[in-house]
Protein backbone atom coordinates (compact mmCIF):
# COMPACT_ATOMS: atom_id res chain seq x y z
CA MET A 1 99.11 101.77 95.12
CA HIS A 2 100.18 98.18 94.52
CA ALA A 3 100.81 98.45 90.78
CA ASP A 4 103.81 97.78 88.54
CA LEU A 5 105.07 101.37 88.36
CA SER A 6 108.49 102.79 87.56
CA ARG A 7 108.12 105.71 89.99
CA LEU A 8 105.58 108.27 91.26
CA THR A 9 106.49 111.83 90.23
CA PHE A 10 103.43 113.97 91.13
CA ARG A 11 104.39 116.70 93.64
CA PRO A 12 101.64 119.25 94.38
CA ALA A 13 104.21 121.76 95.71
CA LYS A 14 105.74 122.07 92.25
CA HIS A 15 102.46 123.50 90.89
CA TYR A 16 102.68 121.80 87.50
CA SER A 17 99.46 122.20 85.53
CA GLY A 18 100.11 119.60 82.83
CA VAL A 19 102.51 117.17 81.19
CA LEU A 20 103.71 117.83 77.63
CA ALA A 21 104.72 114.88 75.44
CA GLN A 22 107.71 115.60 73.22
CA GLN A 23 108.32 114.09 69.79
CA GLY A 24 110.77 111.27 69.45
CA ARG A 25 110.97 110.64 73.19
CA VAL A 26 110.39 107.48 75.17
CA GLN A 27 106.94 107.37 76.72
CA LEU A 28 106.98 106.47 80.42
CA ASP A 29 104.22 105.31 82.73
CA ALA A 30 105.32 107.99 85.24
CA ASP A 31 104.50 110.82 82.82
CA ALA A 32 101.01 109.56 82.01
CA ASN A 33 100.30 108.86 85.67
CA GLU A 34 101.49 112.34 86.68
CA GLN A 35 99.11 113.93 84.18
CA ALA A 36 96.23 111.89 85.60
CA ALA A 37 97.25 112.92 89.13
CA ILE A 38 97.45 116.61 88.15
CA THR A 39 93.97 116.49 86.60
CA ARG A 40 92.53 114.65 89.58
CA HIS A 41 94.14 117.10 92.01
CA GLN A 42 92.83 120.15 90.13
CA ALA A 43 89.28 118.79 89.85
CA ARG A 44 89.07 117.82 93.51
CA THR A 45 90.61 121.05 94.74
CA LEU A 46 88.09 123.04 92.71
CA ALA A 47 85.20 120.91 94.00
CA ALA A 48 86.34 121.26 97.61
CA ASP A 49 86.79 125.05 97.23
CA LEU A 50 83.26 125.45 95.86
CA ILE A 51 81.43 122.83 97.94
CA GLY A 52 83.40 122.85 101.17
CA GLN A 53 84.72 119.88 103.09
CA HIS A 54 81.64 117.82 102.26
CA GLY A 55 78.23 118.22 100.68
CA GLY A 56 75.78 116.87 98.12
CA PRO A 57 73.77 118.40 95.26
CA HIS A 58 70.27 119.57 96.17
CA GLY A 59 67.74 117.08 94.89
CA ALA A 60 70.27 114.24 94.76
CA THR A 61 72.08 114.43 98.10
CA GLY A 62 73.21 110.90 98.87
CA PHE A 63 73.83 108.88 102.01
CA ARG A 64 70.64 109.68 103.89
CA ILE A 65 70.74 107.35 106.89
CA GLU A 66 67.67 105.52 108.20
CA PHE A 67 68.00 103.53 111.42
CA ARG A 68 66.23 100.18 111.63
CA GLN A 69 66.17 98.57 115.04
CA GLY A 70 66.29 94.79 114.99
CA GLU A 71 63.88 92.82 117.12
CA ASN A 72 65.04 89.26 116.47
CA THR A 73 67.90 90.40 114.23
CA LEU A 74 70.80 92.82 114.44
CA ASP A 75 70.26 96.57 114.10
CA ASP A 76 70.71 97.92 110.60
CA LEU A 77 71.07 101.16 108.68
CA VAL A 78 69.54 101.98 105.30
CA ILE A 79 71.89 104.00 103.09
CA HIS A 80 69.85 105.89 100.53
CA GLY A 81 71.18 106.67 97.06
CA GLY A 82 72.54 109.87 95.62
CA ARG A 83 75.86 111.68 95.37
CA TYR A 84 78.08 113.23 98.01
CA TYR A 85 81.47 114.96 97.85
CA VAL A 86 84.07 114.54 100.58
CA ASP A 87 87.16 116.76 100.19
CA GLY A 88 86.22 117.05 96.53
CA ILE A 89 86.00 113.26 96.01
CA LEU A 90 82.77 112.11 94.42
CA CYS A 91 80.99 109.27 96.25
CA ASP A 92 78.01 107.64 94.54
CA ALA A 93 75.63 105.70 96.80
CA GLY A 94 73.40 104.56 93.95
CA ARG A 95 72.89 100.82 93.75
CA PRO A 96 73.07 99.46 90.19
CA PRO A 97 70.00 97.49 89.08
CA ALA A 98 70.40 93.73 89.04
CA GLY A 99 69.52 93.49 85.33
CA THR A 100 67.00 91.33 83.54
CA PRO A 101 67.81 88.02 81.81
CA ALA A 102 66.99 87.83 78.10
CA GLU A 103 64.47 84.98 78.57
CA HIS A 104 62.77 86.59 81.54
CA GLU A 105 58.99 87.13 81.69
CA PRO A 106 57.63 89.96 83.89
CA THR A 107 55.71 88.64 86.89
CA GLY A 108 54.53 91.74 88.70
CA ALA A 109 55.64 94.64 90.88
CA ALA A 110 59.10 93.22 91.41
CA ASP A 111 59.77 93.80 87.73
CA ALA A 112 58.92 97.51 87.80
CA PRO A 113 61.35 99.69 85.82
CA ALA A 114 64.16 101.50 87.56
CA GLY A 115 62.26 104.78 87.46
CA ALA A 116 59.38 103.42 89.52
CA GLU A 117 58.33 105.25 92.65
CA GLY A 118 60.56 104.49 95.64
CA PRO A 119 60.85 105.57 99.28
CA GLU A 120 59.95 109.11 100.14
CA GLY A 121 62.67 111.72 99.71
CA ASP A 122 64.07 113.61 102.70
CA ALA A 123 63.73 117.23 103.67
CA GLY A 124 66.63 118.14 101.40
CA GLY A 125 64.44 117.42 98.39
CA GLU A 126 66.17 114.29 97.09
CA GLN A 127 63.93 111.56 95.68
CA GLY A 128 64.75 108.15 97.16
CA PRO A 129 65.87 105.25 94.97
CA PRO A 130 63.64 102.32 94.01
CA ALA A 131 62.75 99.88 96.79
CA ASP A 132 65.66 97.64 95.80
CA GLY A 133 67.99 100.53 94.97
CA PHE A 134 69.58 101.33 98.33
CA TRP A 135 72.35 99.76 100.37
CA THR A 136 72.26 98.70 103.99
CA TYR A 137 74.98 98.74 106.62
CA TRP A 138 75.47 94.99 106.21
CA ASP A 139 75.64 94.80 102.41
CA GLN A 140 77.37 98.09 101.47
CA PRO A 141 79.73 97.30 98.58
CA ASP A 142 83.20 97.96 100.02
CA ALA A 143 82.83 97.62 103.80
CA TYR A 144 82.40 93.82 104.06
CA ARG A 145 80.81 93.89 107.50
CA ASP A 146 80.66 90.49 109.20
CA ALA A 147 77.75 89.88 111.57
CA GLU A 148 79.78 87.15 113.31
CA LYS A 149 82.33 89.74 114.46
CA PRO A 150 81.08 91.78 117.44
CA ALA A 151 83.36 94.68 116.46
CA ASP A 152 81.49 95.01 113.15
CA ARG A 153 78.06 95.34 114.73
CA LEU A 154 76.38 98.67 115.30
CA PRO A 155 76.85 100.03 118.85
CA ALA A 156 74.33 98.71 121.35
CA GLN A 157 74.48 101.98 123.26
CA LEU A 158 72.50 104.84 121.72
CA PRO A 159 73.00 107.50 120.55
CA TYR A 160 75.97 107.23 118.19
CA LEU A 161 77.27 109.01 115.11
CA VAL A 162 77.27 107.53 111.61
CA TYR A 163 80.01 108.78 109.31
CA LEU A 164 81.40 108.29 105.83
CA LYS A 165 84.99 107.12 105.33
CA VAL A 166 86.44 107.60 101.85
CA TRP A 167 89.76 106.43 100.45
CA GLU A 168 91.30 105.05 97.27
CA ARG A 169 93.04 101.83 96.36
CA THR A 170 94.48 100.16 93.29
CA VAL A 171 92.65 97.38 91.47
CA THR A 172 94.43 95.14 88.97
CA ALA A 173 93.26 92.29 86.78
CA ALA A 174 93.91 89.90 89.68
CA GLU A 175 90.85 91.37 91.42
CA ASP A 176 88.84 92.43 88.38
CA PRO A 177 89.41 90.02 85.47
CA GLU A 178 87.41 92.28 83.14
CA ILE A 179 90.38 94.69 83.11
CA ARG A 180 92.44 92.15 81.20
CA GLU A 181 92.22 92.13 77.39
CA VAL A 182 91.85 88.42 76.64
CA ALA A 183 92.87 88.98 73.01
CA LEU A 184 96.43 89.56 74.24
CA GLY A 185 96.60 85.96 75.42
CA ALA A 186 97.31 84.43 78.80
CA ALA A 187 101.09 84.54 78.29
CA LEU A 188 101.23 88.37 78.33
CA PRO A 189 100.87 90.44 81.51
CA ASP A 190 97.90 92.68 82.11
CA THR A 191 97.96 96.29 80.96
CA ALA A 192 96.84 99.26 83.07
CA ALA A 193 95.52 99.15 86.63
CA ARG A 194 92.60 101.17 88.01
CA ILE A 195 92.12 103.53 90.96
CA LYS A 196 88.94 102.77 92.89
CA THR A 197 87.14 105.16 95.22
CA VAL A 198 86.09 103.23 98.31
CA TRP A 199 83.38 104.54 100.62
CA GLN A 200 82.29 102.95 103.88
CA VAL A 201 79.46 103.95 106.23
CA LEU A 202 80.67 103.30 109.79
CA PRO A 203 79.53 104.04 113.37
CA LEU A 204 81.32 106.09 116.02
CA THR A 205 80.22 105.84 119.65
CA GLY A 206 79.40 108.97 121.58
CA THR A 207 82.26 108.23 123.97
CA ASP A 208 84.83 108.09 121.17
CA LEU A 209 83.33 111.19 119.60
CA GLY A 210 83.52 113.19 122.82
CA ALA A 211 80.25 115.01 122.21
CA PRO A 212 78.45 116.83 125.06
CA GLU A 213 75.05 115.86 126.46
CA SER A 214 72.15 116.66 124.13
CA PRO A 215 74.47 118.10 121.47
CA THR A 216 73.37 120.44 118.73
CA SER A 217 74.18 119.78 115.06
CA ASP A 218 77.02 122.30 115.15
CA GLN A 219 78.49 120.71 118.28
CA LEU A 220 78.37 117.28 116.65
CA ARG A 221 80.08 118.53 113.50
CA THR A 222 82.77 120.31 115.54
CA ALA A 223 83.45 117.22 117.66
CA PHE A 224 83.59 115.02 114.58
CA ARG A 225 85.97 117.41 112.81
CA ALA A 226 88.36 117.19 115.76
CA TRP A 227 88.13 113.38 115.75
CA ALA A 228 88.71 113.18 111.97
CA ASP A 229 91.70 115.54 112.13
CA LYS A 230 93.26 113.24 114.69
CA GLN A 231 92.70 110.21 112.46
CA ARG A 232 94.27 111.93 109.45
CA ALA A 233 97.26 113.44 111.22
CA PRO A 234 100.48 111.69 110.14
CA ALA A 235 102.01 110.03 113.18
CA ALA A 236 105.03 108.42 111.54
CA ALA A 237 107.90 109.47 109.28
CA ALA A 238 110.69 107.68 107.43
CA ALA A 239 113.68 108.36 105.20
CA PHE A 240 115.72 106.35 102.71
CA ARG A 241 119.32 106.32 101.59
CA THR A 242 121.88 104.02 100.00
CA GLU A 243 125.06 102.91 101.71
CA ARG A 244 127.77 100.95 99.95
CA PRO A 245 127.67 97.50 101.59
CA ALA A 246 130.73 95.97 103.19
CA ARG A 247 132.89 93.57 101.12
CA THR A 248 131.61 95.19 97.92
CA ASP A 249 135.03 94.88 96.30
CA GLU A 250 134.66 91.10 96.42
CA ASP A 251 131.37 91.23 94.49
CA PRO A 252 131.88 89.66 91.04
CA CYS A 253 128.91 91.47 89.46
CA VAL A 254 129.26 94.23 86.86
CA THR A 255 127.78 96.96 89.04
CA PRO A 256 130.13 100.00 89.04
CA PRO A 257 132.38 99.78 92.10
CA ASP A 258 131.49 103.29 93.31
CA SER A 259 127.72 102.62 93.27
CA ARG A 260 126.04 102.65 96.66
CA TYR A 261 122.94 100.93 95.21
CA ARG A 262 124.18 97.49 94.20
CA GLY A 263 121.04 96.13 92.55
CA PRO A 264 121.32 94.95 88.92
CA GLU A 265 118.01 96.59 87.85
CA ASN A 266 115.98 99.73 88.39
CA GLN A 267 113.39 99.14 91.10
CA LEU A 268 110.57 100.89 92.95
CA TYR A 269 110.95 99.81 96.57
CA ARG A 270 107.89 99.84 98.78
CA VAL A 271 108.09 99.71 102.57
CA GLU A 272 104.67 99.11 104.14
CA VAL A 273 103.54 98.79 107.75
CA HIS A 274 102.05 95.36 108.33
CA THR A 275 101.07 95.24 112.00
CA GLY A 276 100.37 98.66 113.46
CA GLY A 277 101.28 100.15 116.81
CA THR A 278 104.47 101.64 118.19
CA SER A 279 108.06 100.58 117.61
CA GLY A 280 107.69 97.82 120.19
CA THR A 281 104.84 96.08 118.37
CA ALA A 282 104.81 97.36 114.78
CA THR A 283 106.21 95.27 111.92
CA PHE A 284 106.81 96.08 108.28
CA LYS A 285 107.28 94.34 104.95
CA TRP A 286 108.97 95.45 101.76
CA SER A 287 108.92 94.77 98.04
CA ARG A 288 111.30 95.73 95.26
CA GLU A 289 108.34 95.70 92.82
CA ASN A 290 106.01 98.07 94.72
CA GLY A 291 104.06 95.04 95.97
CA SER A 292 102.71 94.44 92.47
CA VAL A 293 103.68 90.76 92.10
CA VAL A 294 100.42 88.86 92.63
CA PHE A 295 99.14 85.38 91.77
CA PRO A 296 95.37 84.77 91.43
CA VAL A 297 94.18 81.84 93.55
CA ALA A 298 92.19 79.06 91.87
CA ALA A 299 91.68 76.81 94.93
CA LEU A 300 92.76 76.48 98.55
CA ASP A 301 93.26 73.11 100.27
CA GLY A 302 94.84 73.35 103.69
CA THR A 303 98.39 74.61 103.22
CA TRP A 304 98.31 73.96 99.46
CA VAL A 305 97.29 76.87 97.23
CA GLU A 306 96.47 76.29 93.56
CA LEU A 307 97.24 79.32 91.39
CA THR A 308 96.13 80.31 87.90
CA THR A 309 99.76 81.15 87.08
CA LEU A 310 103.15 80.91 88.73
CA GLY A 311 104.48 84.10 87.16
CA GLN A 312 105.83 85.43 83.89
CA ASP A 313 109.56 84.73 84.43
CA ASP A 314 112.11 83.84 87.11
CA LYS A 315 112.07 87.44 88.35
CA LEU A 316 108.32 87.58 88.92
CA ASP A 317 107.64 84.03 90.08
CA LEU A 318 107.45 82.21 93.42
CA ASN A 319 110.23 80.26 95.06
CA ALA A 320 110.68 78.39 98.30
CA GLY A 321 111.39 80.89 101.07
CA ASP A 322 109.31 83.73 99.58
CA ARG A 323 106.96 85.61 101.88
CA VAL A 324 103.34 85.93 100.69
CA GLU A 325 100.05 87.15 102.06
CA LEU A 326 96.68 85.75 101.06
CA ALA A 327 94.39 88.64 100.18
CA ASP A 328 91.09 89.33 98.43
CA SER A 329 88.77 92.29 97.87
CA ALA A 330 87.31 92.11 101.38
CA TYR A 331 90.72 91.82 103.04
CA THR A 332 92.05 94.81 101.10
CA SER A 333 89.02 96.98 101.83
CA ARG A 334 88.94 96.18 105.55
CA GLY A 335 92.65 96.95 105.96
CA GLU A 336 93.25 94.24 108.53
CA PRO A 337 96.67 92.56 108.46
CA ALA A 338 96.99 88.78 108.21
CA ASP A 339 100.04 86.66 108.84
CA LEU A 340 102.70 86.72 106.17
CA LEU A 341 103.25 83.08 105.25
CA ARG A 342 106.31 81.45 103.74
CA VAL A 343 106.38 79.33 100.60
CA GLU A 344 107.78 75.90 101.55
CA GLU A 345 107.40 74.04 98.27
CA VAL A 346 106.56 74.85 94.63
CA ASP A 347 104.76 72.31 92.41
CA LEU A 348 105.38 73.66 88.89
CA PRO A 349 103.31 71.12 86.89
CA GLY A 350 100.32 71.55 89.20
CA ARG A 351 100.71 75.34 89.54
CA ARG A 352 100.60 74.89 93.32
CA VAL A 353 102.58 76.14 96.30
CA ARG A 354 102.68 74.77 99.83
CA LEU A 355 102.74 77.32 102.64
CA ASP A 356 104.26 76.92 106.10
CA ALA A 357 100.82 77.29 107.73
CA GLU A 358 97.18 77.21 106.72
CA PRO A 359 95.81 80.70 106.00
CA GLY A 360 93.47 82.09 108.61
CA PRO A 361 89.70 81.68 108.24
CA GLY A 362 87.63 84.11 106.24
CA THR A 363 90.12 85.07 103.53
CA GLY A 364 90.77 83.48 100.16
CA ARG A 365 87.93 80.97 100.18
CA LEU A 366 85.26 82.83 98.21
CA PRO A 367 85.94 82.96 94.44
CA GLY A 368 83.66 85.98 94.07
CA LEU A 369 86.11 88.04 96.13
CA HIS A 370 88.97 87.16 93.73
CA PRO A 371 91.59 85.87 96.18
CA PHE A 372 95.28 86.19 95.32
CA LEU A 373 98.73 85.78 96.82
CA ARG A 374 100.86 88.92 97.05
CA ARG A 375 104.61 88.38 97.16
CA TRP A 376 106.87 90.40 99.44
CA ASP A 377 110.63 90.32 99.07
CA HIS A 378 111.97 90.40 102.61
CA ARG A 379 113.36 87.22 104.11
CA ALA A 380 113.24 86.33 107.78
CA PRO A 381 116.61 86.82 109.47
CA GLY A 382 117.86 83.59 110.96
CA GLY A 383 115.35 81.30 109.26
CA ARG A 384 111.99 79.92 110.23
CA GLY A 385 110.26 81.06 113.40
CA THR A 386 113.27 82.78 114.92
CA ALA A 387 113.58 85.86 117.04
CA ARG A 388 111.20 88.72 117.55
CA GLN A 389 112.04 90.09 114.15
CA ASP A 390 109.66 87.67 112.42
CA ARG A 391 106.69 87.27 114.76
CA ASP A 392 103.93 87.63 112.14
CA GLY A 393 106.06 87.15 109.05
CA GLY A 394 106.97 90.83 109.00
CA LEU A 395 110.18 92.53 110.10
CA LYS A 396 110.47 94.25 113.44
CA LEU A 397 110.26 98.01 113.01
CA VAL A 398 113.28 99.67 114.64
CA GLU A 399 113.29 103.43 115.14
CA GLY A 400 116.28 105.76 115.18
CA ALA A 401 118.63 103.47 113.23
CA TRP A 402 119.28 102.64 109.60
CA THR A 403 117.77 99.27 108.65
CA ASP A 404 119.16 97.38 105.66
CA LEU A 405 116.72 96.19 103.01
CA GLU A 406 119.02 94.88 100.26
CA ASP A 407 121.73 95.98 97.82
CA GLY A 408 122.65 99.02 99.90
CA VAL A 409 119.08 100.40 100.30
CA GLN A 410 118.34 101.46 103.87
CA VAL A 411 115.29 102.87 105.70
CA TRP A 412 115.16 105.05 108.83
CA PHE A 413 112.02 105.32 110.99
CA ALA A 414 111.76 108.47 113.10
CA PRO A 415 111.50 107.87 116.88
CA GLY A 416 108.12 108.24 118.55
CA GLY A 417 106.01 107.10 115.60
CA ARG A 418 102.54 105.59 115.71
CA TYR A 419 102.10 103.20 112.80
CA ARG A 420 98.93 102.15 111.01
CA PRO A 421 98.56 99.04 108.82
CA GLY A 422 98.87 100.11 105.20
CA ASP A 423 101.06 103.17 105.86
CA HIS A 424 103.73 103.00 103.18
CA TRP A 425 106.64 104.77 101.51
CA THR A 426 107.98 104.23 97.99
CA VAL A 427 111.48 105.03 96.72
CA PRO A 428 112.96 104.51 93.23
CA ALA A 429 116.42 102.93 93.05
CA ARG A 430 118.42 103.62 89.87
CA THR A 431 121.44 101.84 88.48
CA ALA A 432 122.48 104.89 86.43
CA THR A 433 123.14 106.94 89.56
CA GLY A 434 123.86 104.08 91.93
CA THR A 435 121.50 105.48 94.55
CA VAL A 436 117.85 106.11 95.41
CA GLU A 437 115.73 109.15 94.54
CA TRP A 438 114.78 110.71 97.88
CA PRO A 439 114.57 114.36 99.02
CA ALA A 440 117.64 115.49 100.94
CA THR A 441 119.26 118.60 102.40
CA ALA A 442 122.02 120.52 100.62
CA ASP A 443 124.60 118.39 102.40
CA ALA A 444 122.88 115.18 101.24
CA ARG A 445 121.14 114.25 104.50
CA PRO A 446 117.84 112.38 103.75
CA LEU A 447 114.70 114.23 104.81
CA LEU A 448 111.96 112.57 106.85
CA GLN A 449 108.68 112.18 104.97
CA PRO A 450 105.18 111.16 106.16
CA PRO A 451 103.61 108.05 104.65
CA ALA A 452 102.49 108.26 101.02
CA GLY A 453 99.19 106.68 102.05
CA ILE A 454 96.65 105.44 102.91
CA GLU A 455 94.91 108.85 102.91
CA ALA A 456 91.42 108.66 104.39
CA HIS A 457 88.71 111.34 104.21
CA TYR A 458 85.75 111.65 106.59
CA ALA A 459 82.30 113.27 106.70
CA PRO A 460 79.53 113.06 109.34
CA LEU A 461 76.18 111.74 108.13
CA ALA A 462 73.76 111.36 111.06
CA TRP A 463 73.43 111.29 114.84
CA VAL A 464 71.36 108.18 115.51
CA VAL A 465 69.13 108.43 118.56
CA GLY A 466 66.90 105.41 117.91
CA GLY A 467 63.45 104.61 119.25
CA GLU A 468 60.70 107.02 118.35
CA ALA A 469 63.08 109.96 118.12
CA SER A 470 64.36 110.86 114.69
CA GLN A 471 68.09 111.04 114.03
CA THR A 472 69.85 114.34 113.37
CA ASP A 473 70.93 114.75 109.75
CA LEU A 474 74.47 116.14 109.63
CA ARG A 475 74.90 116.35 105.85
CA PHE A 476 75.22 119.52 103.82
CA SER A 477 73.47 120.30 100.54
CA PHE A 478 74.31 122.83 97.84
CA ARG A 479 72.29 124.26 94.97
CA PRO A 480 73.42 124.76 91.34
CA LEU A 481 75.11 128.06 90.54
CA ALA A 482 73.28 128.49 87.25
CA ALA A 483 70.24 130.77 87.09
CA PRO A 484 67.90 131.91 84.30
CA VAL A 485 69.19 134.66 82.05
CA GLU A 486 67.38 137.91 82.80
CA ALA A 487 65.42 139.31 79.90
CA VAL A 488 66.82 142.49 78.35
CA ALA A 489 64.26 145.30 78.17
CA GLU A 490 63.59 146.54 74.65
CA ARG A 491 64.15 150.23 73.90
């Protein structure tokens, strides 16, 4: 979660059921966030225990898939409205109505109220949404499919499986300006961030699924469960420690001489995989602010980027040599890495920065997607364009050795890892203890931990056959537990 946090303290293994505020104490963001995490964990665990791995309520089961073969256009899928739970996470496929302007005059059927009759419901009993109330594969809200990219198109070879991918990400006022309270003024930072549930309807070819010929519904679900387990399985691990840097005695700062962490402030370090793969190809980036330092983009002109602000102070601003990535809502939801660019020049009066290269096409050019620059705090060793350690602006990921970040903070990547873009670890560094907070053995050896995210959840929706044959519905439906109270016989 790219938010300005002090630390993340929720640990399911500790079995805490709530956070108690005490009088006269300092209130911390970590306490409030842990209470929210406890509540979310309890609610989703209960839902998953009662519903199962996935399922929808009878009469309102969402994500019914309807295949539409294109004749002169690309194939498409209709995603019907309703609700569906995946590992206890609620996914709502309902499409909000567009709304009616105040000076609008009704002109006919297109202006029918939201409760008007829509497409026929499926065998599960759910009533379809209004004619304009469903999503399609190409316009689903958080998938950002691009018809110009062959990899985004539906498979040409039938049959294939359609599934639901669910995950969560952080949204700040840089992406959703309505979060910001304008009464606080532009000079003050934003307040709280939001956690957004992202769902995406995606295809999976029969070859990748590994299903047998003419599979039954149970065989499809079993094959998909095996595929999903493989996608979720953590394939990388890392550990953190602090090591007192060499020549520390010559440091004129006021940091205690016995401190292994030499930073002047408390930080939440974030190490995130940028380009995925193995140790030979993977790169990573890091931030001392949990990747929360962002700058909304007002305009983009070649290598010049105009920003709405250049930061709150000299700690949270941009300087020549900083590494940044140009992102927006589509980029974040697709999870595809772009080059990390370097700031070459800062124009303070014009609120502009010049980058060392023009950002790639397709990102940062649509104001509706709220583009922004995200600052990362690593610097390229040896300067511009040097060595393999800075191929895409990230740092080469080296396994089986301690890699220095800064101020004594080091990271270790376990050998044999398989890294995915977005995999990340966070570690608090504290001046009071002169070290980082990381689980360790009794003799102080740091323990390897899987990535803190991104955690994806999956559910099968339909086996699309195409043509005249109907697809196989792979969803589950559940009925309410409540039943009428039985009348008591009078005596």
